[in-house]
Amino acid sequence: MTKDAQHPLTELIAIAAKAGIGLVPGGGLLTAGYEALQVLSKEAAAQMERRSQKRYEEFIRSVFEAEVTPDLTEYLTADDYAALLSGCMADMENEKAKYYGRLAAAIGRGEVQGSSRRFLILTLSQLSHQQVQMLRQSYVAARYDLKPGQGSGRVDQVAVLNLSDPVQKHEYAELLARSMYSENELTTLGEMLVRACFDAAELTPSAIGYRAWFSKYVDIIYDSDQVSLVYSLINGFWDEGMRTVNRAVTIIDRQPMAVFANPRIMIVGSEAMPEYLPALKARLRKADVLFVCLHDHAEHIRGHYPDSTILNFAGLGVTDITVSVIKHVKMVNGLT
């Protein structure tokens, strides 16, 4: 185990014990000679030096991991570099070291120019690590249709922050005051700082614990009272990040305003022969249809839809049917 892997206070207590310094139960000094205190002072200084070195290495590593070479640093002045390095070394939070390095790289590549350079350098030094993460979350929410914890809506740039306690609300208010947000949306400066501090892999829904909705709706059509199956499919697709529209075949002429995924799902639940197929085909002329049959009408269906997939589920329960249908739809849409 390296020294940095051990808690600094644990190190000092161990040294104090070796130096014969008495400790009270809570860890406070009871007795200590001059020489022993000198040992502790030197060790504390050594700890600071080790942590400063580690932070400096993180800063430099972040600069070079961003593929910045000498010929790409024409925009990064010596003063900018000094300000970034100074801010990094003085910052209370070790976690932010890499962001200073990445901002230096972004300036060097010319992605942050003019007065924005100094403004973002100063802003980064004044923001907490948590506030930088908040900006990141809002950035992702602005660019993806994020699935909420319930319902079929989307998570907006402020809702994604989950501002549930006074500290979080204060941090957001500070970001507003620093021109990172305006009218509940990230400003250009806020977006610029996020792009500088995070790489593409860190700016995805999964990176912030969310899932993006699939871009198209799943269309569920049914010909009989199949409430349990319809709701099971709705919930199953929701779990997979796919929104649904459902309607009876008798109102197939009322097309919802949505972009549908292929295949459309047609639940054939009636025991009688489905005589509505010609009308269905007239309405879904160009669509691929997945027929979910609870009774065997495959031969009759193929007469109207020879190229569509027909799944016979006679005798199977709702759960098994739901799993199979979702698996098929995901496969067709390249989501497996």
Protein backbone atom coordinates (compact mmCIF):
# COMPACT_ATOMS: atom_id res chain seq x y z
CA MET A 1 0.00 0.00 0.00
CA THR A 2 1.37 3.40 -0.94
CA LYS A 3 1.46 6.24 1.54
CA ASP A 4 -1.23 8.10 -0.39
CA ALA A 5 -3.52 5.11 -0.09
CA GLN A 6 -3.54 5.55 3.70
CA HIS A 7 -5.55 8.30 5.36
CA PRO A 8 -3.21 11.24 6.22
CA LEU A 9 -4.42 11.35 9.82
CA THR A 10 -3.69 7.65 10.24
CA GLU A 11 -0.12 8.30 9.10
CA LEU A 12 0.33 11.10 11.61
CA ILE A 13 -1.08 9.02 14.46
CA ALA A 14 1.35 6.20 13.63
CA ILE A 15 4.28 8.61 13.57
CA ALA A 16 3.14 10.19 16.82
CA ALA A 17 3.05 6.79 18.48
CA LYS A 18 6.59 6.00 17.32
CA ALA A 19 7.75 9.40 18.59
CA GLY A 20 6.29 8.70 22.02
CA ILE A 21 3.64 11.41 21.80
CA GLY A 22 0.73 10.77 24.15
CA LEU A 23 -2.74 10.79 22.62
CA VAL A 24 -6.12 11.22 24.26
CA PRO A 25 -8.87 8.74 23.20
CA GLY A 26 -10.28 11.14 20.60
CA GLY A 27 -6.89 11.45 18.91
CA GLY A 28 -5.82 14.80 20.37
CA LEU A 29 -2.29 15.47 21.61
CA LEU A 30 -1.79 14.96 25.34
CA THR A 31 1.97 15.41 25.60
CA ALA A 32 4.51 16.24 22.94
CA GLY A 33 8.10 17.36 23.07
CA TYR A 34 9.60 19.90 20.67
CA GLU A 35 11.42 17.28 18.58
CA ALA A 36 8.30 15.14 18.25
CA LEU A 37 6.27 18.12 17.05
CA GLN A 38 8.98 18.85 14.49
CA VAL A 39 8.62 15.29 13.18
CA LEU A 40 4.87 15.75 12.83
CA SER A 41 5.29 19.11 11.09
CA LYS A 42 7.73 17.66 8.58
CA GLU A 43 5.42 14.72 7.88
CA ALA A 44 2.46 17.05 7.34
CA ALA A 45 4.56 19.06 4.90
CA ALA A 46 5.60 15.86 3.13
CA GLN A 47 1.95 14.85 2.81
CA MET A 48 1.11 18.18 1.20
CA GLU A 49 4.05 17.81 -1.17
CA ARG A 50 3.00 14.32 -2.21
CA ARG A 51 -0.55 15.44 -2.86
CA SER A 52 0.60 18.49 -4.76
CA GLN A 53 2.80 16.29 -6.92
CA LYS A 54 -0.08 13.92 -7.58
CA ARG A 55 -2.36 16.81 -8.54
CA TYR A 56 0.28 18.28 -10.85
CA GLU A 57 0.73 14.91 -12.55
CA GLU A 58 -3.05 14.65 -13.04
CA PHE A 59 -3.10 18.12 -14.59
CA ILE A 60 -0.29 17.31 -17.03
CA ARG A 61 -1.75 13.90 -17.89
CA SER A 62 -5.11 15.49 -18.71
CA VAL A 63 -3.42 17.97 -21.04
CA PHE A 64 -1.62 15.30 -23.03
CA GLU A 65 -4.47 12.80 -23.03
CA ALA A 66 -6.40 15.49 -24.92
CA GLU A 67 -3.92 15.08 -27.79
CA VAL A 68 -2.37 18.51 -27.45
CA THR A 69 1.02 18.84 -29.12
CA PRO A 70 3.33 21.88 -29.27
CA ASP A 71 2.11 22.87 -32.71
CA LEU A 72 -1.49 22.94 -31.46
CA THR A 73 -0.93 25.27 -28.51
CA GLU A 74 -0.72 28.61 -30.27
CA TYR A 75 -3.84 29.84 -28.47
CA LEU A 76 -2.63 28.96 -24.96
CA THR A 77 -0.57 31.87 -23.62
CA ALA A 78 1.93 31.57 -20.80
CA ASP A 79 -0.40 33.63 -18.61
CA ASP A 80 -3.32 31.27 -19.34
CA TYR A 81 -1.17 28.26 -18.50
CA ALA A 82 0.05 29.87 -15.28
CA ALA A 83 -3.50 30.79 -14.25
CA LEU A 84 -4.76 27.24 -14.90
CA LEU A 85 -1.89 25.56 -13.08
CA SER A 86 -2.12 28.00 -10.17
CA GLY A 87 -5.87 27.45 -9.90
CA CYS A 88 -5.40 23.70 -10.02
CA MET A 89 -2.79 23.65 -7.25
CA ALA A 90 -4.79 26.02 -5.03
CA ASP A 91 -8.13 24.25 -5.48
CA MET A 92 -9.65 22.54 -2.45
CA GLU A 93 -10.80 19.53 -4.49
CA ASN A 94 -8.37 17.03 -5.98
CA GLU A 95 -11.09 15.74 -8.31
CA LYS A 96 -10.97 18.92 -10.37
CA ALA A 97 -7.30 18.63 -11.37
CA LYS A 98 -8.13 16.86 -14.62
CA TYR A 99 -10.63 19.57 -15.58
CA TYR A 100 -7.97 22.26 -15.36
CA GLY A 101 -5.76 20.17 -17.65
CA ARG A 102 -8.57 19.57 -20.11
CA LEU A 103 -9.50 23.25 -20.16
CA ALA A 104 -5.84 24.05 -20.91
CA ALA A 105 -5.99 21.60 -23.82
CA ALA A 106 -9.27 23.06 -25.13
CA ILE A 107 -7.77 26.56 -25.08
CA GLY A 108 -4.66 25.25 -26.81
CA ARG A 109 -6.78 23.74 -29.59
CA GLY A 110 -8.55 27.07 -30.07
CA GLU A 111 -11.94 25.79 -28.88
CA VAL A 112 -12.13 28.48 -26.20
CA GLN A 113 -11.01 31.89 -27.43
CA GLY A 114 -11.13 35.59 -26.67
CA SER A 115 -12.45 36.82 -23.34
CA SER A 116 -14.08 33.42 -22.76
CA ARG A 117 -10.66 31.98 -21.92
CA ARG A 118 -10.03 33.96 -18.76
CA PHE A 119 -13.70 33.90 -17.78
CA LEU A 120 -13.85 30.09 -17.88
CA ILE A 121 -10.50 29.71 -16.10
CA LEU A 122 -11.74 31.92 -13.28
CA THR A 123 -15.15 30.24 -13.25
CA LEU A 124 -13.66 26.74 -13.01
CA SER A 125 -11.59 27.81 -10.01
CA GLN A 126 -14.72 29.11 -8.28
CA LEU A 127 -17.00 26.14 -8.94
CA SER A 128 -17.17 23.03 -6.79
CA HIS A 129 -16.69 19.59 -8.29
CA GLN A 130 -20.41 18.99 -7.73
CA GLN A 131 -21.32 22.12 -9.68
CA VAL A 132 -19.17 20.99 -12.61
CA GLN A 133 -21.07 17.70 -12.54
CA MET A 134 -24.37 19.59 -12.54
CA LEU A 135 -23.34 21.41 -15.73
CA ARG A 136 -22.44 18.07 -17.27
CA GLN A 137 -25.82 16.56 -16.40
CA SER A 138 -27.70 19.50 -17.91
CA TYR A 139 -25.58 19.30 -21.06
CA VAL A 140 -26.53 15.64 -21.54
CA ALA A 141 -30.20 16.38 -20.83
CA ALA A 142 -30.17 19.08 -23.50
CA ARG A 143 -28.82 16.73 -26.15
CA TYR A 144 -30.67 13.52 -25.42
CA ASP A 145 -34.33 12.63 -24.90
CA LEU A 146 -33.81 11.26 -21.38
CA LYS A 147 -36.28 8.77 -19.97
CA PRO A 148 -37.75 9.85 -16.60
CA GLY A 149 -38.37 7.62 -13.60
CA GLN A 150 -42.02 7.35 -14.62
CA GLY A 151 -44.22 8.40 -17.51
CA SER A 152 -43.34 8.99 -21.15
CA GLY A 153 -42.02 12.54 -20.94
CA ARG A 154 -38.42 13.68 -20.93
CA VAL A 155 -36.05 14.93 -18.24
CA ASP A 156 -35.18 18.59 -18.77
CA GLN A 157 -31.97 20.44 -17.94
CA VAL A 158 -33.01 21.38 -14.40
CA ALA A 159 -35.03 18.27 -13.48
CA VAL A 160 -31.96 16.15 -14.19
CA LEU A 161 -30.18 17.90 -11.30
CA ASN A 162 -32.62 16.53 -8.69
CA LEU A 163 -32.43 19.68 -6.58
CA SER A 164 -33.76 18.20 -3.36
CA ASP A 165 -31.88 19.95 -0.55
CA PRO A 166 -30.86 23.53 0.32
CA VAL A 167 -27.19 23.00 -0.59
CA GLN A 168 -28.01 21.76 -4.08
CA LYS A 169 -30.43 24.64 -4.61
CA HIS A 170 -27.76 27.11 -3.46
CA GLU A 171 -25.23 25.57 -5.85
CA TYR A 172 -27.67 25.95 -8.72
CA ALA A 173 -28.38 29.57 -7.74
CA GLU A 174 -24.63 30.23 -7.85
CA LEU A 175 -24.41 28.74 -11.33
CA LEU A 176 -27.21 31.05 -12.43
CA ALA A 177 -25.34 34.03 -10.97
CA ARG A 178 -22.18 33.01 -12.83
CA SER A 179 -23.99 32.98 -16.19
CA MET A 180 -23.79 29.21 -16.57
CA TYR A 181 -27.61 29.01 -16.85
CA SER A 182 -30.26 31.33 -18.19
CA GLU A 183 -33.98 30.61 -18.01
CA ASN A 184 -33.37 27.03 -16.83
CA GLU A 185 -31.05 26.19 -19.70
CA LEU A 186 -27.29 26.09 -20.09
CA THR A 187 -25.80 29.20 -21.63
CA THR A 188 -23.21 29.12 -24.40
CA LEU A 189 -20.53 29.65 -21.76
CA GLY A 190 -21.85 26.75 -19.69
CA GLU A 191 -21.82 24.47 -22.71
CA MET A 192 -18.32 25.60 -23.62
CA LEU A 193 -17.02 24.74 -20.17
CA VAL A 194 -18.63 21.29 -20.26
CA ARG A 195 -17.18 20.47 -23.69
CA ALA A 196 -13.76 21.53 -22.47
CA CYS A 197 -13.87 19.50 -19.24
CA PHE A 198 -15.42 16.22 -20.44
CA ASP A 199 -14.77 13.83 -23.30
CA ALA A 200 -17.49 12.35 -25.49
CA ALA A 201 -17.80 9.13 -23.45
CA GLU A 202 -18.59 11.17 -20.35
CA LEU A 203 -21.38 13.07 -22.07
CA THR A 204 -23.79 10.19 -22.70
CA PRO A 205 -27.00 9.27 -20.83
CA SER A 206 -25.47 6.14 -19.30
CA ALA A 207 -22.52 8.18 -17.99
CA ILE A 208 -24.89 10.17 -15.76
CA GLY A 209 -27.12 7.23 -14.81
CA TYR A 210 -29.91 7.77 -17.36
CA ARG A 211 -31.26 6.13 -20.46
CA ALA A 212 -32.33 7.85 -23.66
CA TRP A 213 -35.67 7.06 -25.24
CA PHE A 214 -35.62 5.15 -28.50
CA SER A 215 -36.29 7.70 -31.23
CA LYS A 216 -39.51 6.07 -32.53
CA TYR A 217 -42.76 4.90 -30.97
CA VAL A 218 -43.94 1.29 -30.93
CA ASP A 219 -47.44 1.04 -32.39
CA ILE A 220 -49.68 -1.53 -30.65
CA ILE A 221 -53.00 -2.38 -32.34
CA TYR A 222 -55.51 -4.90 -30.97
CA ASP A 223 -58.77 -6.42 -32.18
CA SER A 224 -60.33 -7.59 -28.88
CA ASP A 225 -60.30 -7.02 -25.16
CA GLN A 226 -56.64 -7.83 -24.43
CA VAL A 227 -56.06 -5.30 -21.67
CA SER A 228 -53.57 -7.36 -19.63
CA LEU A 229 -51.41 -8.12 -22.70
CA VAL A 230 -51.50 -4.53 -23.96
CA TYR A 231 -50.48 -3.13 -20.58
CA SER A 232 -47.80 -5.76 -20.20
CA LEU A 233 -46.34 -4.73 -23.57
CA ILE A 234 -46.57 -1.04 -22.70
CA ASN A 235 -44.71 -1.60 -19.43
CA GLY A 236 -42.20 -3.95 -20.99
CA PHE A 237 -41.31 -1.54 -23.77
CA TRP A 238 -41.11 1.30 -21.22
CA ASP A 239 -38.51 -0.68 -19.30
CA GLU A 240 -36.53 -0.94 -22.54
CA GLY A 241 -36.70 2.80 -23.17
CA MET A 242 -39.30 2.54 -25.93
CA ARG A 243 -42.50 4.59 -25.89
CA THR A 244 -45.75 3.13 -27.21
CA VAL A 245 -49.07 4.10 -28.77
CA ASN A 246 -52.02 1.71 -28.48
CA ARG A 247 -55.42 1.68 -30.21
CA ALA A 248 -58.16 -0.68 -31.32
CA VAL A 249 -58.19 -1.86 -34.91
CA THR A 250 -61.65 -0.31 -35.28
CA ILE A 251 -60.10 3.16 -35.09
CA ILE A 252 -57.06 2.42 -37.23
CA ASP A 253 -58.01 5.35 -39.46
CA ARG A 254 -57.14 7.76 -36.63
CA GLN A 255 -53.40 7.89 -36.98
CA PRO A 256 -51.57 9.25 -33.91
CA MET A 257 -49.04 12.02 -34.50
CA ALA A 258 -45.91 9.95 -34.01
CA VAL A 259 -43.00 8.43 -35.90
CA PHE A 260 -43.42 4.68 -35.64
CA ALA A 261 -40.84 1.95 -35.47
CA ASN A 262 -41.13 -1.16 -37.57
CA PRO A 263 -42.73 -3.55 -37.10
CA ARG A 264 -46.18 -2.35 -36.03
CA ILE A 265 -47.72 -4.84 -33.59
CA MET A 266 -51.13 -6.31 -34.40
CA ILE A 267 -52.57 -8.39 -31.55
CA VAL A 268 -55.01 -10.87 -33.09
CA GLY A 269 -56.94 -11.97 -30.02
CA SER A 270 -60.37 -12.87 -31.34
CA GLU A 271 -61.25 -16.49 -32.02
CA ALA A 272 -63.14 -15.49 -35.16
CA MET A 273 -61.31 -15.09 -38.45
CA PRO A 274 -59.85 -11.54 -38.67
CA GLU A 275 -61.97 -10.06 -41.47
CA TYR A 276 -60.51 -6.56 -40.94
CA LEU A 277 -57.22 -7.40 -42.68
CA PRO A 278 -58.05 -5.68 -46.02
CA ALA A 279 -58.89 -2.44 -44.16
CA LEU A 280 -55.75 -2.81 -42.02
CA LYS A 281 -53.61 -3.28 -45.10
CA ALA A 282 -55.13 -0.21 -46.74
CA ARG A 283 -54.12 1.88 -43.71
CA LEU A 284 -50.72 0.26 -43.10
CA ARG A 285 -49.84 -0.26 -46.73
CA LYS A 286 -46.12 0.47 -46.38
CA ALA A 287 -45.64 -0.82 -42.87
CA ASP A 288 -44.14 -4.07 -41.67
CA VAL A 289 -46.58 -5.71 -39.25
CA LEU A 290 -45.81 -8.22 -36.51
CA PHE A 291 -48.90 -10.37 -35.96
CA VAL A 292 -49.24 -11.60 -32.38
CA CYS A 293 -51.80 -14.39 -32.66
CA LEU A 294 -53.54 -15.82 -29.63
CA HIS A 295 -55.36 -18.24 -31.97
CA ASP A 296 -54.01 -19.82 -35.12
CA HIS A 297 -55.01 -17.58 -38.03
CA ALA A 298 -51.62 -17.74 -39.75
CA GLU A 299 -52.86 -19.06 -43.10
CA HIS A 300 -55.56 -16.41 -43.40
CA ILE A 301 -53.16 -13.62 -42.42
CA ARG A 302 -50.52 -14.69 -44.95
CA GLY A 303 -53.09 -14.21 -47.71
CA HIS A 304 -52.99 -10.48 -46.98
CA TYR A 305 -49.54 -10.05 -45.42
CA PRO A 306 -47.27 -12.67 -47.02
CA ASP A 307 -44.05 -10.92 -45.95
CA SER A 308 -44.89 -10.08 -42.34
CA THR A 309 -43.84 -12.11 -39.29
CA ILE A 310 -46.60 -14.12 -37.61
CA LEU A 311 -46.05 -15.38 -34.07
CA ASN A 312 -48.49 -17.99 -32.76
CA PHE A 313 -48.86 -17.79 -28.97
CA ALA A 314 -51.89 -20.03 -28.43
CA GLY A 315 -51.85 -21.30 -24.85
CA LEU A 316 -48.98 -19.06 -23.68
CA GLY A 317 -49.24 -16.61 -20.79
CA VAL A 318 -48.98 -12.83 -20.98
CA THR A 319 -45.42 -12.71 -19.61
CA ASP A 320 -44.02 -15.16 -22.17
CA ILE A 321 -45.76 -13.37 -25.03
CA THR A 322 -44.46 -9.99 -23.84
CA VAL A 323 -40.86 -11.21 -23.62
CA SER A 324 -40.96 -12.72 -27.12
CA VAL A 325 -42.59 -9.69 -28.75
CA ILE A 326 -40.18 -7.21 -27.19
CA LYS A 327 -37.21 -9.36 -28.15
CA HIS A 328 -38.40 -9.45 -31.77
CA VAL A 329 -39.03 -5.70 -31.99
CA LYS A 330 -35.65 -4.89 -30.47
CA MET A 331 -33.92 -7.27 -32.89
CA VAL A 332 -35.60 -5.66 -35.92
CA ASN A 333 -34.50 -2.23 -34.69
CA GLY A 334 -30.94 -3.27 -33.95
CA LEU A 335 -31.30 -2.90 -30.18
CA THR A 336 -30.16 -6.36 -29.10
